[in-house]
PDB file of N, CA and C in Angstrom:
ATOM      1  N   MET A   1       0.847  -1.179   0.000  1.00  0.00           N
ATOM      2  CA  MET A   1       0.000   0.000   0.000  1.00  0.00           C
ATOM      3  C   MET A   1       0.891   1.240   0.000  1.00  0.00           C
ATOM      4  N   ASN A   2       0.531   2.211  -0.782  1.00  0.00           N
ATOM      5  CA  ASN A   2       1.265   3.473  -0.814  1.00  0.00           C
ATOM      6  C   ASN A   2       0.691   4.397   0.261  1.00  0.00           C
ATOM      7  N   HIS A   3       1.382   4.480   1.411  1.00  0.00           N
ATOM      8  CA  HIS A   3       0.892   5.281   2.531  1.00  0.00           C
ATOM      9  C   HIS A   3       0.981   6.777   2.258  1.00  0.00           C
ATOM     10  N   ASP A   4       1.742   7.174   1.243  1.00  0.00           N
ATOM     11  CA  ASP A   4       1.823   8.592   0.893  1.00  0.00           C
ATOM     12  C   ASP A   4       0.470   9.125   0.446  1.00  0.00           C
ATOM     13  N   LEU A   5      -0.393   8.255  -0.001  1.00  0.00           N
ATOM     14  CA  LEU A   5      -1.702   8.673  -0.498  1.00  0.00           C
ATOM     15  C   LEU A   5      -2.792   8.590   0.562  1.00  0.00           C
ATOM     16  N   LEU A   6      -2.469   8.118   1.752  1.00  0.00           N
ATOM     17  CA  LEU A   6      -3.464   7.976   2.811  1.00  0.00           C
ATOM     18  C   LEU A   6      -3.774   9.348   3.403  1.00  0.00           C
ATOM     19  N   PRO A   7      -5.007   9.835   3.246  1.00  0.00           N
ATOM     20  CA  PRO A   7      -5.350  11.164   3.769  1.00  0.00           C
ATOM     21  C   PRO A   7      -5.125  11.252   5.280  1.00  0.00           C
ATOM     22  N   GLY A   8      -4.504  12.341   5.699  1.00  0.00           N
ATOM     23  CA  GLY A   8      -4.293  12.573   7.124  1.00  0.00           C
ATOM     24  C   GLY A   8      -3.032  11.970   7.690  1.00  0.00           C
ATOM     25  N   SER A   9      -2.318  11.170   6.891  1.00  0.00           N
ATOM     26  CA  SER A   9      -1.085  10.580   7.409  1.00  0.00           C
ATOM     27  C   SER A   9       0.028  11.625   7.375  1.00  0.00           C
ATOM     28  N   THR A  10       1.002  11.422   8.258  1.00  0.00           N
ATOM     29  CA  THR A  10       2.115  12.361   8.397  1.00  0.00           C
ATOM     30  C   THR A  10       3.423  11.624   8.204  1.00  0.00           C
ATOM     31  N   ARG A  11       4.305  12.207   7.412  1.00  0.00           N
ATOM     32  CA  ARG A  11       5.639  11.643   7.237  1.00  0.00           C
ATOM     33  C   ARG A  11       6.548  12.238   8.300  1.00  0.00           C
ATOM     34  N   LEU A  12       7.353  11.382   8.922  1.00  0.00           N
ATOM     35  CA  LEU A  12       8.320  11.822   9.909  1.00  0.00           C
ATOM     36  C   LEU A  12       9.650  11.172   9.544  1.00  0.00           C
ATOM     37  N   ASP A  13      10.587  11.978   9.082  1.00  0.00           N
ATOM     38  CA  ASP A  13      11.881  11.450   8.631  1.00  0.00           C
ATOM     39  C   ASP A  13      12.739  11.002   9.810  1.00  0.00           C
ATOM     40  N   ASN A  14      13.656  10.103   9.538  1.00  0.00           N
ATOM     41  CA  ASN A  14      14.563   9.558  10.543  1.00  0.00           C
ATOM     42  C   ASN A  14      15.198  10.683  11.366  1.00  0.00           C
ATOM     43  N   GLY A  15      15.090  10.576  12.687  1.00  0.00           N
ATOM     44  CA  GLY A  15      15.694  11.543  13.595  1.00  0.00           C
ATOM     45  C   GLY A  15      14.842  12.763  13.893  1.00  0.00           C
ATOM     46  N   ARG A  16      13.716  12.912  13.213  1.00  0.00           N
ATOM     47  CA  ARG A  16      12.842  14.070  13.431  1.00  0.00           C
ATOM     48  C   ARG A  16      11.896  13.806  14.598  1.00  0.00           C
ATOM     49  N   LEU A  17      11.440  14.897  15.230  1.00  0.00           N
ATOM     50  CA  LEU A  17      10.523  14.829  16.369  1.00  0.00           C
ATOM     51  C   LEU A  17       9.215  15.526  16.032  1.00  0.00           C
ATOM     52  N   LEU A  18       8.155  15.039  16.647  1.00  0.00           N
ATOM     53  CA  LEU A  18       6.851  15.684  16.598  1.00  0.00           C
ATOM     54  C   LEU A  18       6.394  15.800  18.042  1.00  0.00           C
ATOM     55  N   SER A  19       6.088  17.007  18.477  1.00  0.00           N
ATOM     56  CA  SER A  19       5.646  17.235  19.849  1.00  0.00           C
ATOM     57  C   SER A  19       4.257  17.853  19.802  1.00  0.00           C
ATOM     58  N   ARG A  20       3.335  17.298  20.576  1.00  0.00           N
ATOM     59  CA  ARG A  20       1.972  17.827  20.589  1.00  0.00           C
ATOM     60  C   ARG A  20       1.271  17.426  21.876  1.00  0.00           C
ATOM     61  N   VAL A  21       0.212  18.138  22.191  1.00  0.00           N
ATOM     62  CA  VAL A  21      -0.616  17.789  23.346  1.00  0.00           C
ATOM     63  C   VAL A  21      -1.603  16.725  22.888  1.00  0.00           C
ATOM     64  N   THR A  22      -1.623  15.617  23.616  1.00  0.00           N
ATOM     65  CA  THR A  22      -2.526  14.515  23.295  1.00  0.00           C
ATOM     66  C   THR A  22      -3.389  14.210  24.512  1.00  0.00           C
ATOM     67  N   GLY A  23      -4.403  13.413  24.295  1.00  0.00           N
ATOM     68  CA  GLY A  23      -5.287  13.026  25.384  1.00  0.00           C
ATOM     69  C   GLY A  23      -5.790  11.615  25.199  1.00  0.00           C
ATOM     70  N   PRO A  24      -6.533  11.123  26.185  1.00  0.00           N
ATOM     71  CA  PRO A  24      -6.983   9.734  26.159  1.00  0.00           C
ATOM     72  C   PRO A  24      -7.980   9.419  25.044  1.00  0.00           C
ATOM     73  N   ASP A  25      -8.400  10.418  24.304  1.00  0.00           N
ATOM     74  CA  ASP A  25      -9.300  10.162  23.178  1.00  0.00           C
ATOM     75  C   ASP A  25      -8.537  10.051  21.857  1.00  0.00           C
ATOM     76  N   GLU A  26      -7.197   9.945  21.933  1.00  0.00           N
ATOM     77  CA  GLU A  26      -6.376   9.895  20.721  1.00  0.00           C
ATOM     78  C   GLU A  26      -5.568   8.606  20.635  1.00  0.00           C
ATOM     79  N   ARG A  27      -5.228   8.264  19.409  1.00  0.00           N
ATOM     80  CA  ARG A  27      -4.458   7.049  19.113  1.00  0.00           C
ATOM     81  C   ARG A  27      -3.458   7.378  18.013  1.00  0.00           C
ATOM     82  N   ILE A  28      -2.311   6.721  18.058  1.00  0.00           N
ATOM     83  CA  ILE A  28      -1.321   6.837  16.992  1.00  0.00           C
ATOM     84  C   ILE A  28      -1.170   5.470  16.341  1.00  0.00           C
ATOM     85  N   GLU A  29      -1.100   5.474  15.021  1.00  0.00           N
ATOM     86  CA  GLU A  29      -0.855   4.258  14.244  1.00  0.00           C
ATOM     87  C   GLU A  29       0.439   4.459  13.466  1.00  0.00           C
ATOM     88  N   CYS A  30       1.333   3.498  13.541  1.00  0.00           N
ATOM     89  CA  CYS A  30       2.566   3.527  12.764  1.00  0.00           C
ATOM     90  C   CYS A  30       2.289   2.789  11.451  1.00  0.00           C
ATOM     91  N   LEU A  31       2.308   3.520  10.354  1.00  0.00           N
ATOM     92  CA  LEU A  31       2.021   2.927   9.055  1.00  0.00           C
ATOM     93  C   LEU A  31       3.277   2.342   8.417  1.00  0.00           C
ATOM     94  N   SER A  32       4.417   2.974   8.667  1.00  0.00           N
ATOM     95  CA  SER A  32       5.687   2.451   8.158  1.00  0.00           C
ATOM     96  C   SER A  32       6.814   3.006   9.016  1.00  0.00           C
ATOM     97  N   GLY A  33       7.953   2.316   8.998  1.00  0.00           N
ATOM     98  CA  GLY A  33       9.097   2.758   9.782  1.00  0.00           C
ATOM     99  C   GLY A  33       9.015   2.320  11.232  1.00  0.00           C
ATOM    100  N   VAL A  34       9.704   3.063  12.094  1.00  0.00           N
ATOM    101  CA  VAL A  34       9.745   2.773  13.527  1.00  0.00           C
ATOM    102  C   VAL A  34       9.625   4.102  14.276  1.00  0.00           C
ATOM    103  N   LEU A  35       8.713   4.144  15.265  1.00  0.00           N
ATOM    104  CA  LEU A  35       8.473   5.353  16.052  1.00  0.00           C
ATOM    105  C   LEU A  35       8.701   5.084  17.533  1.00  0.00           C
ATOM    106  N   TRP A  36       9.197   6.092  18.225  1.00  0.00           N
ATOM    107  CA  TRP A  36       9.312   6.074  19.687  1.00  0.00           C
ATOM    108  C   TRP A  36       8.335   7.116  20.198  1.00  0.00           C
ATOM    109  N   VAL A  37       7.518   6.734  21.173  1.00  0.00           N
ATOM    110  CA  VAL A  37       6.495   7.625  21.724  1.00  0.00           C
ATOM    111  C   VAL A  37       6.666   7.700  23.230  1.00  0.00           C
ATOM    112  N   THR A  38       6.597   8.907  23.778  1.00  0.00           N
ATOM    113  CA  THR A  38       6.603   9.085  25.222  1.00  0.00           C
ATOM    114  C   THR A  38       5.618  10.189  25.580  1.00  0.00           C
ATOM    115  N   GLN A  39       5.064  10.110  26.787  1.00  0.00           N
ATOM    116  CA  GLN A  39       4.109  11.087  27.293  1.00  0.00           C
ATOM    117  C   GLN A  39       4.671  11.721  28.564  1.00  0.00           C
ATOM    118  N   ASP A  40       4.396  12.997  28.778  1.00  0.00           N
ATOM    119  CA  ASP A  40       4.821  13.663  30.015  1.00  0.00           C
ATOM    120  C   ASP A  40       4.382  12.853  31.228  1.00  0.00           C
ATOM    121  N   GLY A  41       5.308  12.635  32.155  1.00  0.00           N
ATOM    122  CA  GLY A  41       4.993  11.952  33.398  1.00  0.00           C
ATOM    123  C   GLY A  41       4.848  10.446  33.273  1.00  0.00           C
ATOM    124  N   ASP A  42       5.150   9.891  32.129  1.00  0.00           N
ATOM    125  CA  ASP A  42       5.012   8.458  31.909  1.00  0.00           C
ATOM    126  C   ASP A  42       6.410   7.868  31.720  1.00  0.00           C
ATOM    127  N   PRO A  43       6.842   6.947  32.591  1.00  0.00           N
ATOM    128  CA  PRO A  43       8.194   6.411  32.494  1.00  0.00           C
ATOM    129  C   PRO A  43       8.384   5.421  31.341  1.00  0.00           C
ATOM    130  N   ARG A  44       7.293   5.018  30.679  1.00  0.00           N
ATOM    131  CA  ARG A  44       7.399   4.027  29.604  1.00  0.00           C
ATOM    132  C   ARG A  44       7.985   4.641  28.331  1.00  0.00           C
ATOM    133  N   ASP A  45       8.667   3.812  27.597  1.00  0.00           N
ATOM    134  CA  ASP A  45       9.075   4.110  26.228  1.00  0.00           C
ATOM    135  C   ASP A  45       8.255   3.192  25.339  1.00  0.00           C
ATOM    136  N   ILE A  46       7.462   3.758  24.458  1.00  0.00           N
ATOM    137  CA  ILE A  46       6.626   2.970  23.566  1.00  0.00           C
ATOM    138  C   ILE A  46       7.293   2.958  22.194  1.00  0.00           C
ATOM    139  N   ILE A  47       7.595   1.772  21.692  1.00  0.00           N
ATOM    140  CA  ILE A  47       8.195   1.612  20.377  1.00  0.00           C
ATOM    141  C   ILE A  47       7.133   1.000  19.462  1.00  0.00           C
ATOM    142  N   LEU A  48       6.867   1.691  18.349  1.00  0.00           N
ATOM    143  CA  LEU A  48       5.880   1.212  17.394  1.00  0.00           C
ATOM    144  C   LEU A  48       6.559   0.910  16.069  1.00  0.00           C
ATOM    145  N   GLU A  49       6.266  -0.264  15.530  1.00  0.00           N
ATOM    146  CA  GLU A  49       6.721  -0.631  14.198  1.00  0.00           C
ATOM    147  C   GLU A  49       5.513  -0.626  13.278  1.00  0.00           C
ATOM    148  N   ALA A  50       5.750  -0.731  11.996  1.00  0.00           N
ATOM    149  CA  ALA A  50       4.663  -0.715  11.018  1.00  0.00           C
ATOM    150  C   ALA A  50       3.556  -1.698  11.430  1.00  0.00           C
ATOM    151  N   GLY A  51       2.326  -1.209  11.477  1.00  0.00           N
ATOM    152  CA  GLY A  51       1.185  -2.029  11.861  1.00  0.00           C
ATOM    153  C   GLY A  51       0.813  -1.920  13.329  1.00  0.00           C
ATOM    154  N   ASP A  52       1.683  -1.323  14.157  1.00  0.00           N
ATOM    155  CA  ASP A  52       1.408  -1.163  15.589  1.00  0.00           C
ATOM    156  C   ASP A  52       0.660   0.141  15.842  1.00  0.00           C
ATOM    157  N   GLY A  53      -0.068   0.167  16.958  1.00  0.00           N
ATOM    158  CA  GLY A  53      -0.756   1.377  17.383  1.00  0.00           C
ATOM    159  C   GLY A  53      -0.666   1.531  18.885  1.00  0.00           C
ATOM    160  N   PHE A  54      -0.965   2.730  19.363  1.00  0.00           N
ATOM    161  CA  PHE A  54      -0.940   3.023  20.798  1.00  0.00           C
ATOM    162  C   PHE A  54      -2.044   4.012  21.116  1.00  0.00           C
ATOM    163  N   ASP A  55      -2.820   3.716  22.162  1.00  0.00           N
ATOM    164  CA  ASP A  55      -3.845   4.625  22.664  1.00  0.00           C
ATOM    165  C   ASP A  55      -3.228   5.493  23.755  1.00  0.00           C
ATOM    166  N   PHE A  56      -3.179   6.807  23.532  1.00  0.00           N
ATOM    167  CA  PHE A  56      -2.681   7.707  24.569  1.00  0.00           C
ATOM    168  C   PHE A  56      -3.607   7.573  25.779  1.00  0.00           C
ATOM    169  N   ASP A  57      -3.016   7.468  26.967  1.00  0.00           N
ATOM    170  CA  ASP A  57      -3.833   7.204  28.157  1.00  0.00           C
ATOM    171  C   ASP A  57      -3.774   8.322  29.193  1.00  0.00           C
ATOM    172  N   ARG A  58      -3.262   9.471  28.793  1.00  0.00           N
ATOM    173  CA  ARG A  58      -3.226  10.627  29.693  1.00  0.00           C
ATOM    174  C   ARG A  58      -3.193  11.894  28.859  1.00  0.00           C
ATOM    175  N   ARG A  59      -3.634  12.973  29.443  1.00  0.00           N
ATOM    176  CA  ARG A  59      -3.594  14.269  28.762  1.00  0.00           C
ATOM    177  C   ARG A  59      -2.267  14.943  29.078  1.00  0.00           C
ATOM    178  N   GLY A  60      -1.655  15.509  28.061  1.00  0.00           N
ATOM    179  CA  GLY A  60      -0.395  16.213  28.249  1.00  0.00           C
ATOM    180  C   GLY A  60       0.455  16.171  27.008  1.00  0.00           C
ATOM    181  N   ARG A  61       1.654  16.681  27.135  1.00  0.00           N
ATOM    182  CA  ARG A  61       2.589  16.732  26.008  1.00  0.00           C
ATOM    183  C   ARG A  61       3.114  15.338  25.695  1.00  0.00           C
ATOM    184  N   SER A  62       3.093  14.994  24.424  1.00  0.00           N
ATOM    185  CA  SER A  62       3.666  13.737  23.945  1.00  0.00           C
ATOM    186  C   SER A  62       4.716  14.064  22.902  1.00  0.00           C
ATOM    187  N   VAL A  63       5.753  13.244  22.862  1.00  0.00           N
ATOM    188  CA  VAL A  63       6.811  13.405  21.871  1.00  0.00           C
ATOM    189  C   VAL A  63       6.885  12.112  21.066  1.00  0.00           C
ATOM    190  N   ILE A  64       6.920  12.274  19.756  1.00  0.00           N
ATOM    191  CA  ILE A  64       7.032  11.152  18.830  1.00  0.00           C
ATOM    192  C   ILE A  64       8.325  11.364  18.040  1.00  0.00           C
ATOM    193  N   SER A  65       9.166  10.351  18.027  1.00  0.00           N
ATOM    194  CA  SER A  65      10.444  10.435  17.325  1.00  0.00           C
ATOM    195  C   SER A  65      10.535   9.292  16.326  1.00  0.00           C
ATOM    196  N   ALA A  66      11.095   9.573  15.158  1.00  0.00           N
ATOM    197  CA  ALA A  66      11.256   8.546  14.136  1.00  0.00           C
ATOM    198  C   ALA A  66      12.645   7.928  14.244  1.00  0.00           C
ATOM    199  N   PHE A  67      12.699   6.604  14.381  1.00  0.00           N
ATOM    200  CA  PHE A  67      13.963   5.868  14.370  1.00  0.00           C
ATOM    201  C   PHE A  67      14.345   5.473  12.952  1.00  0.00           C
ATOM    202  N   ASP A  68      13.439   5.717  12.028  1.00  0.00           N
ATOM    203  CA  ASP A  68      13.618   5.399  10.617  1.00  0.00           C
ATOM    204  C   ASP A  68      12.669   6.329   9.872  1.00  0.00           C
ATOM    205  N   ASP A  69      12.830   6.504   8.573  1.00  0.00           N
ATOM    206  CA  ASP A  69      11.830   7.266   7.832  1.00  0.00           C
ATOM    207  C   ASP A  69      10.489   6.572   8.057  1.00  0.00           C
ATOM    208  N   SER A  70       9.515   7.320   8.540  1.00  0.00           N
ATOM    209  CA  SER A  70       8.264   6.722   9.000  1.00  0.00           C
ATOM    210  C   SER A  70       7.058   7.502   8.497  1.00  0.00           C
ATOM    211  N   ARG A  71       5.913   6.859   8.584  1.00  0.00           N
ATOM    212  CA  ARG A  71       4.643   7.510   8.305  1.00  0.00           C
ATOM    213  C   ARG A  71       3.693   7.093   9.419  1.00  0.00           C
ATOM    214  N   LEU A  72       2.948   8.082   9.946  1.00  0.00           N
ATOM    215  CA  LEU A  72       2.061   7.824  11.070  1.00  0.00           C
ATOM    216  C   LEU A  72       0.699   8.444  10.816  1.00  0.00           C
ATOM    217  N   LEU A  73      -0.252   7.977  11.581  1.00  0.00           N
ATOM    218  CA  LEU A  73      -1.606   8.491  11.520  1.00  0.00           C
ATOM    219  C   LEU A  73      -2.046   8.764  12.949  1.00  0.00           C
ATOM    220  N   LEU A  74      -2.480   9.990  13.209  1.00  0.00           N
ATOM    221  CA  LEU A  74      -3.033  10.348  14.511  1.00  0.00           C
ATOM    222  C   LEU A  74      -4.547  10.376  14.390  1.00  0.00           C
ATOM    223  N   LEU A  75      -5.207   9.632  15.264  1.00  0.00           N
ATOM    224  CA  LEU A  75      -6.660   9.491  15.210  1.00  0.00           C
ATOM    225  C   LEU A  75      -7.289  10.017  16.481  1.00  0.00           C
ATOM    226  N   THR A  76      -8.472  10.605  16.362  1.00  0.00           N
ATOM    227  CA  THR A  76      -9.232  11.074  17.520  1.00  0.00           C
ATOM    228  C   THR A  76     -10.575  10.351  17.520  1.00  0.00           C
ATOM    229  N   ARG A  77     -10.921   9.759  18.664  1.00  0.00           N
ATOM    230  CA  ARG A  77     -12.201   9.070  18.797  1.00  0.00           C
ATOM    231  C   ARG A  77     -13.335  10.083  18.817  1.00  0.00           C
ATOM    232  N   LEU A  78     -14.364   9.789  18.095  1.00  0.00           N
ATOM    233  CA  LEU A  78     -15.574  10.625  18.134  1.00  0.00           C
ATOM    234  C   LEU A  78     -16.391  10.253  19.352  1.00  0.00           C
ATOM    235  N   ARG A  79     -16.888  11.240  20.024  1.00  0.00           N
ATOM    236  CA  ARG A  79     -17.722  10.991  21.204  1.00  0.00           C
ATOM    237  C   ARG A  79     -19.185  11.058  20.794  1.00  0.00           C
ATOM    238  N   PRO A  80     -19.996  10.146  21.341  1.00  0.00           N
ATOM    239  CA  PRO A  80     -21.430  10.139  20.981  1.00  0.00           C
ATOM    240  C   PRO A  80     -22.150  11.384  21.480  1.00  0.00           C
TER     241      PRO A  80
END
C-alpha cells in the first residue's frame, strides 16, 4: 500500500521529532518505519513498528520520534 496517499497521514523522517498535546481520546498508528512515543509523566518508552498502534492514556505533552523514515496516523475518537 502506498501510505503517501493515505489522507491525514504524516511523514516523519529519521531523527525528526513531533511534539503535541494529546489526550486519552487519541491514538497513533505507525504505518511504516519505527516510532518512539513518550508522554509527560510516563516512564514508559513505547516503540511502534509498522502495523502497531498506541492509545494515549493521559492528557499532556507527547513526543514522537522517528527511528527510521516513517509515516504515522493520529486518530481522535468521536464521542457520541
